[in-house]
Amino acid sequence: MFKYEIIIYWSKEDEAYIAEVPELPGCVAHRDTYDETLASAKQAIELWIETAPNTILQIISQIIFNSSSHQILQLFRFSFYKLLLI
């Protein structure tokens, strides 16, 4: 299991605690209490990890499909294989 930094702060504007996971783009959570926010952030991390590979694959596939450049295609193939090795 990987460990990720979770930054939790109070948002006066939202009147809620906000949790952000800097290493996982878009992985955020918010709740009324600090403890609820932490629990929600941990759940958001699990969901992010489950769904991110499929989302990244869809984005790369769409870029490759719309690309007319063979060089870009090769670059994304290499990046995708590198991603799978992580």
N, C-alpha and C. Protein backbone atom coordinates (compact mmCIF):
# COMPACT_ATOMS: atom_id res chain seq x y z
N MET A 1 0.84 -1.18 0.00
CA MET A 1 0.00 0.00 0.00
C MET A 1 0.88 1.24 0.00
N PHE A 2 0.58 2.16 -0.89
CA PHE A 2 1.31 3.41 -0.98
C PHE A 2 0.78 4.39 0.05
N LYS A 3 1.62 5.32 0.43
CA LYS A 3 1.20 6.38 1.34
C LYS A 3 1.23 7.70 0.57
N TYR A 4 0.19 8.48 0.73
CA TYR A 4 0.07 9.76 0.05
C TYR A 4 -0.13 10.88 1.07
N GLU A 5 0.45 12.02 0.76
CA GLU A 5 0.25 13.18 1.61
C GLU A 5 -1.18 13.68 1.44
N ILE A 6 -1.84 13.98 2.55
CA ILE A 6 -3.19 14.55 2.53
C ILE A 6 -3.12 15.89 3.25
N ILE A 7 -3.48 16.93 2.54
CA ILE A 7 -3.50 18.28 3.12
C ILE A 7 -4.95 18.62 3.45
N ILE A 8 -5.21 18.90 4.74
CA ILE A 8 -6.57 19.22 5.17
C ILE A 8 -6.57 20.65 5.73
N TYR A 9 -7.53 21.43 5.28
CA TYR A 9 -7.64 22.81 5.76
C TYR A 9 -9.12 23.21 5.81
N TRP A 10 -9.39 24.22 6.62
CA TRP A 10 -10.75 24.74 6.75
C TRP A 10 -10.97 25.79 5.67
N SER A 11 -12.09 25.65 4.94
CA SER A 11 -12.47 26.64 3.93
C SER A 11 -13.61 27.48 4.49
N LYS A 12 -13.31 28.73 4.74
CA LYS A 12 -14.33 29.64 5.24
C LYS A 12 -15.43 29.83 4.20
N GLU A 13 -15.02 29.90 2.95
CA GLU A 13 -15.98 30.10 1.85
C GLU A 13 -16.97 28.93 1.75
N ASP A 14 -16.45 27.69 1.86
CA ASP A 14 -17.31 26.51 1.74
C ASP A 14 -17.89 26.07 3.08
N GLU A 15 -17.36 26.64 4.16
CA GLU A 15 -17.74 26.24 5.52
C GLU A 15 -17.62 24.74 5.71
N ALA A 16 -16.45 24.23 5.30
CA ALA A 16 -16.17 22.80 5.40
C ALA A 16 -14.66 22.59 5.40
N TYR A 17 -14.27 21.41 5.88
CA TYR A 17 -12.87 21.02 5.77
C TYR A 17 -12.65 20.47 4.37
N ILE A 18 -11.54 20.84 3.77
CA ILE A 18 -11.17 20.38 2.43
C ILE A 18 -9.91 19.55 2.55
N ALA A 19 -9.88 18.42 1.85
CA ALA A 19 -8.69 17.57 1.80
C ALA A 19 -8.22 17.48 0.35
N GLU A 20 -6.94 17.69 0.16
CA GLU A 20 -6.33 17.57 -1.16
C GLU A 20 -5.18 16.58 -1.09
N VAL A 21 -5.04 15.78 -2.16
CA VAL A 21 -3.94 14.83 -2.27
C VAL A 21 -3.07 15.29 -3.44
N PRO A 22 -2.00 16.04 -3.16
CA PRO A 22 -1.22 16.67 -4.23
C PRO A 22 -0.67 15.71 -5.29
N GLU A 23 -0.33 14.51 -4.89
CA GLU A 23 0.27 13.55 -5.83
C GLU A 23 -0.75 12.92 -6.78
N LEU A 24 -2.04 13.08 -6.48
CA LEU A 24 -3.09 12.50 -7.31
C LEU A 24 -3.99 13.62 -7.82
N PRO A 25 -3.73 14.11 -9.02
CA PRO A 25 -4.49 15.26 -9.54
C PRO A 25 -6.01 15.05 -9.48
N GLY A 26 -6.69 16.03 -8.91
CA GLY A 26 -8.14 15.97 -8.81
C GLY A 26 -8.68 15.16 -7.65
N CYS A 27 -7.79 14.60 -6.86
CA CYS A 27 -8.22 13.79 -5.71
C CYS A 27 -8.45 14.71 -4.52
N VAL A 28 -9.71 15.04 -4.28
CA VAL A 28 -10.09 15.94 -3.19
C VAL A 28 -11.31 15.40 -2.46
N ALA A 29 -11.53 15.91 -1.27
CA ALA A 29 -12.70 15.54 -0.48
C ALA A 29 -13.06 16.71 0.42
N HIS A 30 -14.31 16.74 0.88
CA HIS A 30 -14.71 17.77 1.83
C HIS A 30 -15.82 17.23 2.72
N ARG A 31 -15.79 17.64 3.97
CA ARG A 31 -16.78 17.23 4.96
C ARG A 31 -16.87 18.29 6.05
N ASP A 32 -17.77 18.06 6.98
CA ASP A 32 -18.00 19.02 8.07
C ASP A 32 -16.96 18.96 9.18
N THR A 33 -16.39 17.77 9.41
CA THR A 33 -15.41 17.64 10.49
C THR A 33 -14.08 17.16 9.93
N TYR A 34 -13.03 17.40 10.71
CA TYR A 34 -11.69 16.99 10.30
C TYR A 34 -11.63 15.47 10.09
N ASP A 35 -12.15 14.72 11.07
CA ASP A 35 -12.09 13.25 11.00
C ASP A 35 -12.88 12.70 9.81
N GLU A 36 -14.05 13.27 9.55
CA GLU A 36 -14.84 12.85 8.39
C GLU A 36 -14.11 13.15 7.09
N THR A 37 -13.44 14.29 7.07
CA THR A 37 -12.70 14.69 5.86
C THR A 37 -11.53 13.75 5.61
N LEU A 38 -10.82 13.38 6.67
CA LEU A 38 -9.71 12.45 6.53
C LEU A 38 -10.19 11.10 6.01
N ALA A 39 -11.28 10.60 6.58
CA ALA A 39 -11.84 9.31 6.14
C ALA A 39 -12.28 9.39 4.68
N SER A 40 -12.91 10.49 4.32
CA SER A 40 -13.37 10.68 2.95
C SER A 40 -12.19 10.78 1.98
N ALA A 41 -11.12 11.43 2.41
CA ALA A 41 -9.92 11.54 1.57
C ALA A 41 -9.29 10.17 1.33
N LYS A 42 -9.26 9.34 2.35
CA LYS A 42 -8.71 7.98 2.18
C LYS A 42 -9.55 7.19 1.19
N GLN A 43 -10.86 7.34 1.25
CA GLN A 43 -11.74 6.67 0.30
C GLN A 43 -11.53 7.23 -1.12
N ALA A 44 -11.34 8.54 -1.21
CA ALA A 44 -11.10 9.17 -2.52
C ALA A 44 -9.80 8.66 -3.14
N ILE A 45 -8.78 8.44 -2.32
CA ILE A 45 -7.52 7.88 -2.81
C ILE A 45 -7.74 6.50 -3.40
N GLU A 46 -8.47 5.65 -2.69
CA GLU A 46 -8.75 4.30 -3.19
C GLU A 46 -9.50 4.35 -4.52
N LEU A 47 -10.50 5.21 -4.60
CA LEU A 47 -11.27 5.33 -5.84
C LEU A 47 -10.43 5.90 -6.97
N TRP A 48 -9.57 6.86 -6.67
CA TRP A 48 -8.70 7.45 -7.67
C TRP A 48 -7.79 6.38 -8.26
N ILE A 49 -7.19 5.57 -7.38
CA ILE A 49 -6.28 4.52 -7.82
C ILE A 49 -7.01 3.47 -8.67
N GLU A 50 -8.23 3.16 -8.31
CA GLU A 50 -9.02 2.18 -9.08
C GLU A 50 -9.37 2.68 -10.47
N THR A 51 -9.71 3.97 -10.59
CA THR A 51 -10.23 4.49 -11.85
C THR A 51 -9.20 5.17 -12.74
N ALA A 52 -8.10 5.65 -12.18
CA ALA A 52 -7.13 6.42 -12.95
C ALA A 52 -6.55 5.67 -14.15
N PRO A 53 -6.14 4.39 -14.01
CA PRO A 53 -5.56 3.73 -15.19
C PRO A 53 -6.52 3.69 -16.38
N ASN A 54 -7.78 3.43 -16.15
CA ASN A 54 -8.75 3.41 -17.25
C ASN A 54 -8.95 4.78 -17.86
N THR A 55 -8.99 5.80 -17.01
CA THR A 55 -9.17 7.16 -17.50
C THR A 55 -7.96 7.59 -18.33
N ILE A 56 -6.77 7.30 -17.84
CA ILE A 56 -5.55 7.66 -18.58
C ILE A 56 -5.51 6.93 -19.91
N LEU A 57 -5.87 5.66 -19.93
CA LEU A 57 -5.90 4.90 -21.17
C LEU A 57 -6.88 5.50 -22.17
N GLN A 58 -8.05 5.92 -21.71
CA GLN A 58 -9.03 6.54 -22.60
C GLN A 58 -8.50 7.84 -23.18
N ILE A 59 -7.86 8.65 -22.37
CA ILE A 59 -7.31 9.92 -22.85
C ILE A 59 -6.22 9.67 -23.88
N ILE A 60 -5.30 8.78 -23.58
CA ILE A 60 -4.21 8.48 -24.50
C ILE A 60 -4.76 7.90 -25.81
N SER A 61 -5.72 7.00 -25.70
CA SER A 61 -6.31 6.40 -26.90
C SER A 61 -6.96 7.47 -27.78
N GLN A 62 -7.65 8.41 -27.16
CA GLN A 62 -8.31 9.47 -27.92
C GLN A 62 -7.27 10.37 -28.61
N ILE A 63 -6.19 10.69 -27.92
CA ILE A 63 -5.14 11.51 -28.51
C ILE A 63 -4.50 10.78 -29.69
N ILE A 64 -4.21 9.49 -29.49
CA ILE A 64 -3.60 8.70 -30.56
C ILE A 64 -4.55 8.60 -31.75
N PHE A 65 -5.82 8.37 -31.50
CA PHE A 65 -6.81 8.23 -32.57
C PHE A 65 -6.93 9.52 -33.37
N ASN A 66 -6.87 10.66 -32.71
CA ASN A 66 -7.01 11.94 -33.38
C ASN A 66 -5.70 12.48 -33.95
N SER A 67 -4.60 11.81 -33.65
CA SER A 67 -3.30 12.30 -34.08
C SER A 67 -2.97 11.81 -35.49
N SER A 68 -2.40 12.70 -36.29
CA SER A 68 -1.96 12.31 -37.62
C SER A 68 -0.45 12.12 -37.66
N SER A 69 0.21 12.36 -36.54
CA SER A 69 1.66 12.28 -36.52
C SER A 69 2.11 10.93 -35.96
N HIS A 70 2.89 10.22 -36.74
CA HIS A 70 3.43 8.92 -36.30
C HIS A 70 4.36 9.11 -35.09
N GLN A 71 5.09 10.22 -35.05
CA GLN A 71 6.02 10.48 -33.95
C GLN A 71 5.26 10.63 -32.63
N ILE A 72 4.14 11.34 -32.64
CA ILE A 72 3.34 11.49 -31.43
C ILE A 72 2.80 10.14 -31.00
N LEU A 73 2.37 9.32 -31.95
CA LEU A 73 1.87 7.98 -31.65
C LEU A 73 2.93 7.17 -30.92
N GLN A 74 4.16 7.21 -31.41
CA GLN A 74 5.25 6.46 -30.78
C GLN A 74 5.54 6.99 -29.37
N LEU A 75 5.51 8.30 -29.21
CA LEU A 75 5.75 8.91 -27.90
C LEU A 75 4.72 8.43 -26.88
N PHE A 76 3.44 8.41 -27.26
CA PHE A 76 2.41 7.99 -26.33
C PHE A 76 2.45 6.50 -26.06
N ARG A 77 2.83 5.72 -27.04
CA ARG A 77 2.99 4.28 -26.80
C ARG A 77 4.07 4.05 -25.75
N PHE A 78 5.22 4.74 -25.90
CA PHE A 78 6.30 4.61 -24.95
C PHE A 78 5.85 5.05 -23.56
N SER A 79 5.17 6.19 -23.47
CA SER A 79 4.70 6.70 -22.19
C SER A 79 3.71 5.76 -21.54
N PHE A 80 2.84 5.16 -22.34
CA PHE A 80 1.86 4.23 -21.80
C PHE A 80 2.53 2.99 -21.22
N TYR A 81 3.48 2.44 -21.95
CA TYR A 81 4.18 1.25 -21.44
C TYR A 81 4.96 1.59 -20.18
N LYS A 82 5.56 2.78 -20.15
CA LYS A 82 6.28 3.23 -18.96
C LYS A 82 5.31 3.35 -17.77
N LEU A 83 4.10 3.85 -18.02
CA LEU A 83 3.09 3.98 -16.99
C LEU A 83 2.71 2.60 -16.44
N LEU A 84 2.61 1.61 -17.31
CA LEU A 84 2.23 0.27 -16.87
C LEU A 84 3.29 -0.36 -15.97
N LEU A 85 4.53 0.06 -16.14
CA LEU A 85 5.62 -0.50 -15.36
C LEU A 85 5.71 0.08 -13.95
N ILE A 86 5.03 1.21 -13.72
CA ILE A 86 5.07 1.86 -12.41
C ILE A 86 4.35 1.03 -11.38
